Amino acid sequence: MRRRDFITLLSSAALAWCTKSYAQTPDKVHRAAVISPTATAIENWRREMIPELAGLGFTEGRNLVVTYHIGLPIRMPELAREALAARPDVVVATSDIAIREISAASSSVPIVMAFGGRDPVALGLAQSLGRPGGNVTGVWMRSHDLDRKRILLLHEATPMARRIAVLAGRPPMHVEMFKEIRQTASELGLDARAFLADGPADYASAFAEMRAAHVEALAIPSSPVFFRDAAILSQLALEARLPTVCEWASMARDGCLIGYGPSRLGLVTSRRKIERCIWRGRIAWNGENCNNEPFCAGPAAPLISIGDCDSSM
């Protein structure tokens, strides 16, 4: 898969457990754990995967138990331990932090990276993208590459703006991301400043700090929490008269000036294929030839959407 693709599926070695038999017996109860910073992501997973699993013979209340673990990024290590205590057969996580914790605690439980942001090789979760050699697989969005591109697009759209606000979660969330964004901004002659917020309770104070700092534009990076709160954040940005670039194309319809990101449908389709493979207990493709296999197919380029321009900005 070419490096400019904005979605990377980790392949064959990481799915070695797919060859393991999950033959069902009447008294066998299968367990899954899903970890996310938001209830919205959990609800989306349920809508997408519970019917899929039922079609494979795994039914909640009969032979399938799913535990759900929701919390702020700072709680991810605790939620990862909680999830493993339930002895799951599969873990699905939308948090890089949770994935690292689970991977460090267990080398045998299959872990699905659901829209992971950071490079799994750099995180030590895989030996390589083509041959991970561990128990982590899934979808890598290249979020940091996309966040850098969003700064470039914001600069093109607002060439006179020099002070750029970056909404960021408190450490450990977004620490590495902000370093890269600040580097990109510096190369463009811009001053990028982080304003911290973990959720709705923090947004008003974060935007008050932005106004006090006289920032001229805003970047909202990749985050399940910020995606969930797109409408709230877009309204606050409009009130502050801040042209804003957001994570997904759909967020432009919520009020961001620019939305830039991969196709969510493509990401979901890819993740569902991986989960089906794991639950079926068999591998459906050859990772060495994954460029030619539909199981590995993803969007070749991200989507961009431009919101309505407000003359008051």
C-alpha atoms as a PDB file:
ATOM      1  CA  MET A   1       0.000   0.000   0.000  1.00  0.00           C
ATOM      2  CA  ARG A   2       1.400   3.366  -0.984  1.00  0.00           C
ATOM      3  CA  ARG A   3       2.419   5.661   1.806  1.00  0.00           C
ATOM      4  CA  ARG A   4       0.286   8.508   0.544  1.00  0.00           C
ATOM      5  CA  ASP A   5      -2.811   6.435   1.200  1.00  0.00           C
ATOM      6  CA  PHE A   6      -4.498   7.810   4.293  1.00  0.00           C
ATOM      7  CA  ILE A   7      -5.657   4.515   5.639  1.00  0.00           C
ATOM      8  CA  THR A   8      -3.424   1.592   6.479  1.00  0.00           C
ATOM      9  CA  LEU A   9      -4.646  -1.842   7.358  1.00  0.00           C
ATOM     10  CA  LEU A  10      -2.271  -3.949   9.390  1.00  0.00           C
ATOM     11  CA  SER A  11      -2.042  -7.336   7.823  1.00  0.00           C
ATOM     12  CA  SER A  12      -1.382 -11.036   7.838  1.00  0.00           C
ATOM     13  CA  ALA A  13       0.870 -11.789  10.807  1.00  0.00           C
ATOM     14  CA  ALA A  14      -1.233  -9.696  13.157  1.00  0.00           C
ATOM     15  CA  LEU A  15      -4.248 -11.747  12.173  1.00  0.00           C
ATOM     16  CA  ALA A  16      -2.643 -15.079  12.950  1.00  0.00           C
ATOM     17  CA  TRP A  17      -5.361 -15.738  15.489  1.00  0.00           C
ATOM     18  CA  CYS A  18      -7.798 -15.864  12.573  1.00  0.00           C
ATOM     19  CA  THR A  19      -6.522 -19.381  11.945  1.00  0.00           C
ATOM     20  CA  LYS A  20      -7.435 -20.348  15.478  1.00  0.00           C
ATOM     21  CA  SER A  21     -10.716 -22.211  15.695  1.00  0.00           C
ATOM     22  CA  TYR A  22     -13.635 -20.443  17.302  1.00  0.00           C
ATOM     23  CA  ALA A  23     -15.967 -23.378  16.778  1.00  0.00           C
ATOM     24  CA  GLN A  24     -19.121 -22.757  18.715  1.00  0.00           C
ATOM     25  CA  THR A  25     -20.496 -25.166  21.261  1.00  0.00           C
ATOM     26  CA  PRO A  26     -23.774 -24.781  23.149  1.00  0.00           C
ATOM     27  CA  ASP A  27     -22.080 -23.980  26.449  1.00  0.00           C
ATOM     28  CA  LYS A  28     -19.407 -21.648  25.073  1.00  0.00           C
ATOM     29  CA  VAL A  29     -19.860 -17.948  25.852  1.00  0.00           C
ATOM     30  CA  HIS A  30     -17.754 -15.558  23.791  1.00  0.00           C
ATOM     31  CA  ARG A  31     -16.685 -12.188  25.126  1.00  0.00           C
ATOM     32  CA  ALA A  32     -15.775  -8.878  23.538  1.00  0.00           C
ATOM     33  CA  ALA A  33     -14.664  -5.608  25.105  1.00  0.00           C
ATOM     34  CA  VAL A  34     -15.091  -2.213  23.439  1.00  0.00           C
ATOM     35  CA  ILE A  35     -13.163   0.824  24.720  1.00  0.00           C
ATOM     36  CA  SER A  36     -13.783   4.401  23.637  1.00  0.00           C
ATOM     37  CA  PRO A  37     -13.678   7.958  24.963  1.00  0.00           C
ATOM     38  CA  THR A  38     -17.289   8.519  23.815  1.00  0.00           C
ATOM     39  CA  ALA A  39     -20.646   6.799  24.067  1.00  0.00           C
ATOM     40  CA  THR A  40     -21.286   7.847  20.459  1.00  0.00           C
ATOM     41  CA  ALA A  41     -18.486   5.609  19.195  1.00  0.00           C
ATOM     42  CA  ILE A  42     -19.843   2.735  21.290  1.00  0.00           C
ATOM     43  CA  GLU A  43     -23.333   3.229  19.861  1.00  0.00           C
ATOM     44  CA  ASN A  44     -21.934   3.294  16.326  1.00  0.00           C
ATOM     45  CA  TRP A  45     -20.047   0.056  16.964  1.00  0.00           C
ATOM     46  CA  ARG A  46     -23.179  -1.614  18.324  1.00  0.00           C
ATOM     47  CA  ARG A  47     -25.232  -0.541  15.333  1.00  0.00           C
ATOM     48  CA  GLU A  48     -22.588  -1.778  12.899  1.00  0.00           C
ATOM     49  CA  MET A  49     -21.336  -4.966  14.566  1.00  0.00           C
ATOM     50  CA  ILE A  50     -24.029  -6.527  16.771  1.00  0.00           C
ATOM     51  CA  PRO A  51     -26.167  -7.550  13.759  1.00  0.00           C
ATOM     52  CA  GLU A  52     -22.988  -8.651  11.962  1.00  0.00           C
ATOM     53  CA  LEU A  53     -21.952 -10.881  14.867  1.00  0.00           C
ATOM     54  CA  ALA A  54     -25.479 -12.281  15.155  1.00  0.00           C
ATOM     55  CA  GLY A  55     -25.242 -13.281  11.507  1.00  0.00           C
ATOM     56  CA  LEU A  56     -22.070 -15.206  12.367  1.00  0.00           C
ATOM     57  CA  GLY A  57     -23.844 -16.991  15.216  1.00  0.00           C
ATOM     58  CA  PHE A  58     -22.759 -14.785  18.141  1.00  0.00           C
ATOM     59  CA  THR A  59     -25.841 -13.367  19.845  1.00  0.00           C
ATOM     60  CA  GLU A  60     -25.946 -11.093  22.868  1.00  0.00           C
ATOM     61  CA  GLY A  61     -27.817 -12.692  25.727  1.00  0.00           C
ATOM     62  CA  ARG A  62     -27.183 -16.197  24.410  1.00  0.00           C
ATOM     63  CA  ASN A  63     -23.543 -16.896  23.622  1.00  0.00           C
ATOM     64  CA  LEU A  64     -22.037 -13.392  23.444  1.00  0.00           C
ATOM     65  CA  VAL A  65     -21.210 -10.964  26.237  1.00  0.00           C
ATOM     66  CA  VAL A  66     -19.932  -7.494  25.320  1.00  0.00           C
ATOM     67  CA  THR A  67     -18.563  -5.112  27.936  1.00  0.00           C
ATOM     68  CA  TYR A  68     -18.325  -1.411  27.205  1.00  0.00           C
ATOM     69  CA  HIS A  69     -15.734   0.890  28.744  1.00  0.00           C
ATOM     70  CA  ILE A  70     -16.134   4.665  28.275  1.00  0.00           C
ATOM     71  CA  GLY A  71     -14.020   7.441  29.742  1.00  0.00           C
ATOM     72  CA  LEU A  72     -11.771  10.409  29.148  1.00  0.00           C
ATOM     73  CA  PRO A  73      -8.312   9.734  27.653  1.00  0.00           C
ATOM     74  CA  ILE A  74      -6.711  10.120  31.081  1.00  0.00           C
ATOM     75  CA  ARG A  75      -8.741   7.085  32.231  1.00  0.00           C
ATOM     76  CA  MET A  76      -7.718   4.824  29.354  1.00  0.00           C
ATOM     77  CA  PRO A  77      -5.085   2.834  31.308  1.00  0.00           C
ATOM     78  CA  GLU A  78      -7.686   2.101  33.999  1.00  0.00           C
ATOM     79  CA  LEU A  79     -10.334   1.168  31.403  1.00  0.00           C
ATOM     80  CA  ALA A  80      -7.878  -1.119  29.613  1.00  0.00           C
ATOM     81  CA  ARG A  81      -7.235  -3.038  32.844  1.00  0.00           C
ATOM     82  CA  GLU A  82     -10.962  -3.186  33.505  1.00  0.00           C
ATOM     83  CA  ALA A  83     -11.615  -4.571  30.022  1.00  0.00           C
ATOM     84  CA  LEU A  84      -8.963  -7.282  30.341  1.00  0.00           C
ATOM     85  CA  ALA A  85     -10.362  -8.325  33.722  1.00  0.00           C
ATOM     86  CA  ALA A  86     -13.483  -9.481  31.847  1.00  0.00           C
ATOM     87  CA  ARG A  87     -11.271 -11.991  29.928  1.00  0.00           C
ATOM     88  CA  PRO A  88     -12.389 -10.950  26.434  1.00  0.00           C
ATOM     89  CA  ASP A  89     -11.801 -12.990  23.294  1.00  0.00           C
ATOM     90  CA  VAL A  90     -11.462  -9.754  21.297  1.00  0.00           C
ATOM     91  CA  VAL A  91     -10.849  -6.109  22.257  1.00  0.00           C
ATOM     92  CA  VAL A  92     -11.893  -3.201  20.045  1.00  0.00           C
ATOM     93  CA  ALA A  93     -10.447   0.203  20.975  1.00  0.00           C
ATOM     94  CA  THR A  94     -10.627   3.693  19.482  1.00  0.00           C
ATOM     95  CA  SER A  95      -7.865   4.971  21.753  1.00  0.00           C
ATOM     96  CA  ASP A  96      -4.146   4.603  21.026  1.00  0.00           C
ATOM     97  CA  ILE A  97      -3.505   4.878  24.769  1.00  0.00           C
ATOM     98  CA  ALA A  98      -5.866   1.989  25.559  1.00  0.00           C
ATOM     99  CA  ILE A  99      -4.401  -0.144  22.778  1.00  0.00           C
ATOM    100  CA  ARG A 100      -0.882   0.323  24.153  1.00  0.00           C
ATOM    101  CA  GLU A 101      -2.012  -0.610  27.652  1.00  0.00           C
ATOM    102  CA  ILE A 102      -3.810  -3.756  26.520  1.00  0.00           C
ATOM    103  CA  SER A 103      -0.977  -4.806  24.230  1.00  0.00           C
ATOM    104  CA  ALA A 104       1.521  -4.408  27.079  1.00  0.00           C
ATOM    105  CA  ALA A 105      -0.658  -6.500  29.393  1.00  0.00           C
ATOM    106  CA  SER A 106      -1.562  -9.287  26.945  1.00  0.00           C
ATOM    107  CA  SER A 107       0.209 -10.728  23.924  1.00  0.00           C
ATOM    108  CA  SER A 108      -2.577 -13.178  23.098  1.00  0.00           C
ATOM    109  CA  VAL A 109      -5.875 -11.273  23.074  1.00  0.00           C
ATOM    110  CA  PRO A 110      -6.669  -9.991  19.549  1.00  0.00           C
ATOM    111  CA  ILE A 111      -6.847  -6.186  19.611  1.00  0.00           C
ATOM    112  CA  VAL A 112      -8.588  -4.240  16.862  1.00  0.00           C
ATOM    113  CA  MET A 113      -7.310  -0.711  16.367  1.00  0.00           C
ATOM    114  CA  ALA A 114     -10.511   1.065  15.357  1.00  0.00           C
ATOM    115  CA  PHE A 115      -9.382   4.192  13.560  1.00  0.00           C
ATOM    116  CA  GLY A 116      -6.071   4.421  15.366  1.00  0.00           C
ATOM    117  CA  GLY A 117      -4.314   7.752  15.058  1.00  0.00           C
ATOM    118  CA  ARG A 118      -0.605   7.155  15.618  1.00  0.00           C
ATOM    119  CA  ASP A 119       1.753   4.919  13.661  1.00  0.00           C
ATOM    120  CA  PRO A 120       1.490   1.420  15.225  1.00  0.00           C
ATOM    121  CA  VAL A 121       5.125   0.704  14.366  1.00  0.00           C
ATOM    122  CA  ALA A 122       6.287   3.883  16.104  1.00  0.00           C
ATOM    123  CA  LEU A 123       4.147   2.935  19.102  1.00  0.00           C
ATOM    124  CA  GLY A 124       5.827  -0.473  19.282  1.00  0.00           C
ATOM    125  CA  LEU A 125       2.566  -2.289  18.520  1.00  0.00           C
ATOM    126  CA  ALA A 126       3.808  -3.820  15.273  1.00  0.00           C
ATOM    127  CA  GLN A 127       7.149  -4.830  13.796  1.00  0.00           C
ATOM    128  CA  SER A 128       6.072  -3.487  10.418  1.00  0.00           C
ATOM    129  CA  LEU A 129       2.849  -2.546   8.689  1.00  0.00           C
ATOM    130  CA  GLY A 130       2.983  -5.503   6.330  1.00  0.00           C
ATOM    131  CA  ARG A 131       3.974  -8.036   8.999  1.00  0.00           C
ATOM    132  CA  PRO A 132       2.955  -6.737  12.433  1.00  0.00           C
ATOM    133  CA  GLY A 133       4.091  -9.886  14.250  1.00  0.00           C
ATOM    134  CA  GLY A 134       1.850  -9.304  17.271  1.00  0.00           C
ATOM    135  CA  ASN A 135      -1.761  -9.280  18.394  1.00  0.00           C
ATOM    136  CA  VAL A 136      -2.755  -5.798  17.163  1.00  0.00           C
ATOM    137  CA  THR A 137      -4.430  -5.146  13.832  1.00  0.00           C
ATOM    138  CA  GLY A 138      -6.987  -2.717  12.491  1.00  0.00           C
ATOM    139  CA  VAL A 139      -7.220   0.645  10.763  1.00  0.00           C
ATOM    140  CA  TRP A 140      -4.613   3.369  11.002  1.00  0.00           C
ATOM    141  CA  MET A 141      -5.868   6.778   9.864  1.00  0.00           C
ATOM    142  CA  ARG A 142      -2.482   8.540   9.796  1.00  0.00           C
ATOM    143  CA  SER A 143      -4.100  11.223  11.955  1.00  0.00           C
ATOM    144  CA  HIS A 144      -0.880  13.163  12.482  1.00  0.00           C
ATOM    145  CA  ASP A 145      -0.250  13.406   8.744  1.00  0.00           C
ATOM    146  CA  LEU A 146      -3.805  14.626   8.290  1.00  0.00           C
ATOM    147  CA  ASP A 147      -3.497  17.136  11.123  1.00  0.00           C
ATOM    148  CA  ARG A 148      -0.416  18.611   9.420  1.00  0.00           C
ATOM    149  CA  LYS A 149      -2.325  18.845   6.147  1.00  0.00           C
ATOM    150  CA  ARG A 150      -5.205  20.604   7.924  1.00  0.00           C
ATOM    151  CA  ILE A 151      -2.827  23.333   9.066  1.00  0.00           C
ATOM    152  CA  LEU A 152      -1.691  23.802   5.466  1.00  0.00           C
ATOM    153  CA  LEU A 153      -5.292  24.058   4.276  1.00  0.00           C
ATOM    154  CA  LEU A 154      -6.190  26.499   7.048  1.00  0.00           C
ATOM    155  CA  HIS A 155      -3.214  28.664   6.079  1.00  0.00           C
ATOM    156  CA  GLU A 156      -4.263  28.629   2.430  1.00  0.00           C
ATOM    157  CA  ALA A 157      -7.805  29.633   3.387  1.00  0.00           C
ATOM    158  CA  THR A 158      -6.699  32.337   5.856  1.00  0.00           C
ATOM    159  CA  PRO A 159      -3.289  33.573   4.608  1.00  0.00           C
ATOM    160  CA  MET A 160      -3.341  36.682   6.808  1.00  0.00           C
ATOM    161  CA  ALA A 161      -3.819  34.727  10.051  1.00  0.00           C
ATOM    162  CA  ARG A 162      -0.602  34.302  12.014  1.00  0.00           C
ATOM    163  CA  ARG A 163      -1.758  33.157  15.452  1.00  0.00           C
ATOM    164  CA  ILE A 164      -3.363  29.712  15.214  1.00  0.00           C
ATOM    165  CA  ALA A 165      -5.223  28.098  18.099  1.00  0.00           C
ATOM    166  CA  VAL A 166      -5.130  24.300  18.387  1.00  0.00           C
ATOM    167  CA  LEU A 167      -7.806  22.701  20.545  1.00  0.00           C
ATOM    168  CA  ALA A 168      -6.120  19.778  22.301  1.00  0.00           C
ATOM    169  CA  GLY A 169      -6.950  17.235  24.963  1.00  0.00           C
ATOM    170  CA  ARG A 170      -4.944  17.348  28.162  1.00  0.00           C
ATOM    171  CA  PRO A 171      -1.833  15.153  28.330  1.00  0.00           C
ATOM    172  CA  PRO A 172      -1.296  12.411  27.392  1.00  0.00           C
ATOM    173  CA  MET A 173      -3.842  13.166  24.683  1.00  0.00           C
ATOM    174  CA  HIS A 174      -2.524  15.082  21.643  1.00  0.00           C
ATOM    175  CA  VAL A 175       0.974  15.672  23.057  1.00  0.00           C
ATOM    176  CA  GLU A 176       2.813  14.261  20.027  1.00  0.00           C
ATOM    177  CA  MET A 177       0.213  15.643  17.664  1.00  0.00           C
ATOM    178  CA  PHE A 178       0.702  19.199  18.899  1.00  0.00           C
ATOM    179  CA  LYS A 179       4.472  18.955  18.528  1.00  0.00           C
ATOM    180  CA  GLU A 180       4.030  18.080  14.863  1.00  0.00           C
ATOM    181  CA  ILE A 181       1.397  20.755  14.284  1.00  0.00           C
ATOM    182  CA  ARG A 182       3.607  23.369  15.930  1.00  0.00           C
ATOM    183  CA  GLN A 183       6.502  22.308  13.691  1.00  0.00           C
ATOM    184  CA  THR A 184       4.317  22.607  10.590  1.00  0.00           C
ATOM    185  CA  ALA A 185       3.041  26.000  11.724  1.00  0.00           C
ATOM    186  CA  SER A 186       6.586  27.204  12.392  1.00  0.00           C
ATOM    187  CA  GLU A 187       7.655  26.215   8.880  1.00  0.00           C
ATOM    188  CA  LEU A 188       4.817  28.403   7.575  1.00  0.00           C
ATOM    189  CA  GLY A 189       5.778  31.323   9.804  1.00  0.00           C
ATOM    190  CA  LEU A 190       2.775  30.770  12.074  1.00  0.00           C
ATOM    191  CA  ASP A 191       2.471  30.727  15.853  1.00  0.00           C
ATOM    192  CA  ALA A 192       0.461  27.673  16.968  1.00  0.00           C
ATOM    193  CA  ARG A 193      -0.796  27.674  20.544  1.00  0.00           C
ATOM    194  CA  ALA A 194      -2.524  24.818  22.357  1.00  0.00           C
ATOM    195  CA  PHE A 195      -5.749  25.397  24.301  1.00  0.00           C
ATOM    196  CA  LEU A 196      -6.701  22.417  26.443  1.00  0.00           C
ATOM    197  CA  ALA A 197     -10.145  20.832  26.676  1.00  0.00           C
ATOM    198  CA  ASP A 198     -11.249  17.293  27.477  1.00  0.00           C
ATOM    199  CA  GLY A 199     -14.938  17.831  26.810  1.00  0.00           C
ATOM    200  CA  PRO A 200     -17.921  20.221  26.945  1.00  0.00           C
ATOM    201  CA  ALA A 201     -17.179  21.364  30.493  1.00  0.00           C
ATOM    202  CA  ASP A 202     -13.889  22.854  29.252  1.00  0.00           C
ATOM    203  CA  TYR A 203     -14.962  24.438  25.968  1.00  0.00           C
ATOM    204  CA  ALA A 204     -16.195  27.807  27.242  1.00  0.00           C
ATOM    205  CA  SER A 205     -12.979  28.507  29.150  1.00  0.00           C
ATOM    206  CA  ALA A 206     -10.817  27.302  26.235  1.00  0.00           C
ATOM    207  CA  PHE A 207     -12.538  29.699  23.821  1.00  0.00           C
ATOM    208  CA  ALA A 208     -12.329  32.520  26.371  1.00  0.00           C
ATOM    209  CA  GLU A 209      -8.563  31.932  26.511  1.00  0.00           C
ATOM    210  CA  MET A 210      -8.431  31.991  22.696  1.00  0.00           C
ATOM    211  CA  ARG A 211     -10.141  35.374  22.598  1.00  0.00           C
ATOM    212  CA  ALA A 212      -7.792  36.726  25.262  1.00  0.00           C
ATOM    213  CA  ALA A 213      -4.807  35.488  23.223  1.00  0.00           C
ATOM    214  CA  HIS A 214      -6.178  37.194  20.066  1.00  0.00           C
ATOM    215  CA  VAL A 215      -5.803  34.085  17.926  1.00  0.00           C
ATOM    216  CA  GLU A 216      -6.976  34.415  14.337  1.00  0.00           C
ATOM    217  CA  ALA A 217      -7.883  30.877  13.300  1.00  0.00           C
ATOM    218  CA  LEU A 218      -8.523  27.480  14.884  1.00  0.00           C
ATOM    219  CA  ALA A 219      -7.527  23.881  14.156  1.00  0.00           C
ATOM    220  CA  ILE A 220      -9.498  21.051  15.755  1.00  0.00           C
ATOM    221  CA  PRO A 221      -7.431  17.841  15.474  1.00  0.00           C
ATOM    222  CA  SER A 222      -8.436  14.195  15.346  1.00  0.00           C
ATOM    223  CA  SER A 223     -10.436  13.161  18.408  1.00  0.00           C
ATOM    224  CA  PRO A 224     -13.575  11.051  18.981  1.00  0.00           C
ATOM    225  CA  VAL A 225     -14.642  13.606  21.596  1.00  0.00           C
ATOM    226  CA  PHE A 226     -14.263  16.599  19.285  1.00  0.00           C
ATOM    227  CA  PHE A 227     -16.073  14.729  16.490  1.00  0.00           C
ATOM    228  CA  ARG A 228     -18.978  14.003  18.836  1.00  0.00           C
ATOM    229  CA  ASP A 229     -19.116  17.686  19.821  1.00  0.00           C
ATOM    230  CA  ALA A 230     -18.673  19.103  16.310  1.00  0.00           C
ATOM    231  CA  ALA A 231     -21.856  21.173  16.384  1.00  0.00           C
ATOM    232  CA  ILE A 232     -21.013  22.693  19.795  1.00  0.00           C
ATOM    233  CA  LEU A 233     -17.432  23.523  18.812  1.00  0.00           C
ATOM    234  CA  SER A 234     -18.460  24.959  15.461  1.00  0.00           C
ATOM    235  CA  GLN A 235     -20.943  27.279  17.145  1.00  0.00           C
ATOM    236  CA  LEU A 236     -18.340  28.457  19.637  1.00  0.00           C
ATOM    237  CA  ALA A 237     -15.901  29.080  16.779  1.00  0.00           C
ATOM    238  CA  LEU A 238     -18.507  31.096  14.886  1.00  0.00           C
ATOM    239  CA  GLU A 239     -19.231  33.182  17.980  1.00  0.00           C
ATOM    240  CA  ALA A 240     -15.496  33.802  18.385  1.00  0.00           C
ATOM    241  CA  ARG A 241     -15.202  34.593  14.643  1.00  0.00           C
ATOM    242  CA  LEU A 242     -12.514  31.980  14.175  1.00  0.00           C
ATOM    243  CA  PRO A 243     -12.172  30.256  10.777  1.00  0.00           C
ATOM    244  CA  THR A 244     -11.850  26.595  11.725  1.00  0.00           C
ATOM    245  CA  VAL A 245     -10.503  23.432  10.153  1.00  0.00           C
ATOM    246  CA  CYS A 246     -11.895  20.147  11.486  1.00  0.00           C
ATOM    247  CA  GLU A 247     -11.212  16.440  11.329  1.00  0.00           C
ATOM    248  CA  TRP A 248     -13.944  15.102   9.030  1.00  0.00           C
ATOM    249  CA  ALA A 249     -15.529  16.396   5.843  1.00  0.00           C
ATOM    250  CA  SER A 250     -18.928  16.051   7.528  1.00  0.00           C
ATOM    251  CA  MET A 251     -17.887  18.535  10.229  1.00  0.00           C
ATOM    252  CA  ALA A 252     -18.011  21.340   7.656  1.00  0.00           C
ATOM    253  CA  ARG A 253     -21.748  20.745   7.535  1.00  0.00           C
ATOM    254  CA  ASP A 254     -21.804  21.264  11.298  1.00  0.00           C
ATOM    255  CA  GLY A 255     -20.231  24.699  10.867  1.00  0.00           C
ATOM    256  CA  CYS A 256     -16.465  24.316  10.423  1.00  0.00           C
ATOM    257  CA  LEU A 257     -15.007  26.329   7.560  1.00  0.00           C
ATOM    258  CA  ILE A 258     -13.050  23.284   6.342  1.00  0.00           C
ATOM    259  CA  GLY A 259     -13.537  19.588   7.054  1.00  0.00           C
ATOM    260  CA  TYR A 260     -10.742  17.291   5.891  1.00  0.00           C
ATOM    261  CA  GLY A 261     -10.424  13.583   6.510  1.00  0.00           C
ATOM    262  CA  PRO A 262     -10.866  10.066   5.151  1.00  0.00           C
ATOM    263  CA  SER A 263     -14.165   8.479   4.246  1.00  0.00           C
ATOM    264  CA  ARG A 264     -15.802   7.207   7.441  1.00  0.00           C
ATOM    265  CA  LEU A 265     -17.671   4.620   5.394  1.00  0.00           C
ATOM    266  CA  GLY A 266     -14.360   3.294   4.060  1.00  0.00           C
ATOM    267  CA  LEU A 267     -12.891   3.109   7.549  1.00  0.00           C
ATOM    268  CA  VAL A 268     -15.941   1.341   8.978  1.00  0.00           C
ATOM    269  CA  THR A 269     -16.048  -1.130   6.099  1.00  0.00           C
ATOM    270  CA  SER A 270     -12.382  -2.010   6.583  1.00  0.00           C
ATOM    271  CA  ARG A 271     -12.728  -2.415  10.343  1.00  0.00           C
ATOM    272  CA  ARG A 272     -15.807  -4.623   9.979  1.00  0.00           C
ATOM    273  CA  LYS A 273     -13.955  -6.921   7.580  1.00  0.00           C
ATOM    274  CA  ILE A 274     -11.137  -7.345  10.087  1.00  0.00           C
ATOM    275  CA  GLU A 275     -13.542  -8.072  12.933  1.00  0.00           C
ATOM    276  CA  ARG A 276     -15.479 -10.575  10.817  1.00  0.00           C
ATOM    277  CA  CYS A 277     -12.222 -12.340  10.019  1.00  0.00           C
ATOM    278  CA  ILE A 278     -11.321 -12.634  13.688  1.00  0.00           C
ATOM    279  CA  TRP A 279     -14.732 -13.881  14.756  1.00  0.00           C
ATOM    280  CA  ARG A 280     -15.020 -16.361  11.917  1.00  0.00           C
ATOM    281  CA  GLY A 281     -11.717 -17.820  13.001  1.00  0.00           C
ATOM    282  CA  ARG A 282     -10.213 -17.887   9.541  1.00  0.00           C
ATOM    283  CA  ILE A 283      -8.090 -15.569   7.421  1.00  0.00           C
ATOM    284  CA  ALA A 284      -9.651 -14.230   4.232  1.00  0.00           C
ATOM    285  CA  TRP A 285      -6.673 -12.797   2.391  1.00  0.00           C
ATOM    286  CA  ASN A 286      -2.953 -12.993   1.830  1.00  0.00           C
ATOM    287  CA  GLY A 287      -1.215 -10.014   3.444  1.00  0.00           C
ATOM    288  CA  GLU A 288       1.714 -10.272   1.003  1.00  0.00           C
ATOM    289  CA  ASN A 289      -0.671  -9.440  -1.848  1.00  0.00           C
ATOM    290  CA  CYS A 290      -2.944  -7.107   0.079  1.00  0.00           C
ATOM    291  CA  ASN A 291      -2.749  -4.316  -2.489  1.00  0.00           C
ATOM    292  CA  ASN A 292      -4.684  -6.563  -4.859  1.00  0.00           C
ATOM    293  CA  GLU A 293      -7.235  -7.833  -2.366  1.00  0.00           C
ATOM    294  CA  PRO A 294     -10.564  -6.120  -1.670  1.00  0.00           C
ATOM    295  CA  PHE A 295     -10.214  -6.946   2.036  1.00  0.00           C
ATOM    296  CA  CYS A 296      -7.400  -4.380   2.163  1.00  0.00           C
ATOM    297  CA  ALA A 297      -9.078  -1.745   0.023  1.00  0.00           C
ATOM    298  CA  GLY A 298      -9.555   1.694   1.522  1.00  0.00           C
ATOM    299  CA  PRO A 299     -10.124   5.234   0.263  1.00  0.00           C
ATOM    300  CA  ALA A 300      -7.196   6.364  -1.852  1.00  0.00           C
ATOM    301  CA  ALA A 301      -7.491   9.968  -0.681  1.00  0.00           C
ATOM    302  CA  PRO A 302      -9.215  11.913   2.052  1.00  0.00           C
ATOM    303  CA  LEU A 303     -12.366  13.925   1.504  1.00  0.00           C
ATOM    304  CA  ILE A 304     -12.508  17.687   1.821  1.00  0.00           C
ATOM    305  CA  SER A 305     -15.589  19.771   2.404  1.00  0.00           C
ATOM    306  CA  ILE A 306     -15.897  23.538   2.621  1.00  0.00           C
ATOM    307  CA  GLY A 307     -18.542  24.997   4.898  1.00  0.00           C
ATOM    308  CA  ASP A 308     -20.583  28.138   4.299  1.00  0.00           C
ATOM    309  CA  CYS A 309     -18.442  31.255   4.446  1.00  0.00           C
ATOM    310  CA  ASP A 310     -19.651  33.794   7.014  1.00  0.00           C
ATOM    311  CA  SER A 311     -18.811  37.370   6.134  1.00  0.00           C
ATOM    312  CA  SER A 312     -18.508  38.188   9.837  1.00  0.00           C
ATOM    313  CA  MET A 313     -15.321  36.107  10.104  1.00  0.00           C
END
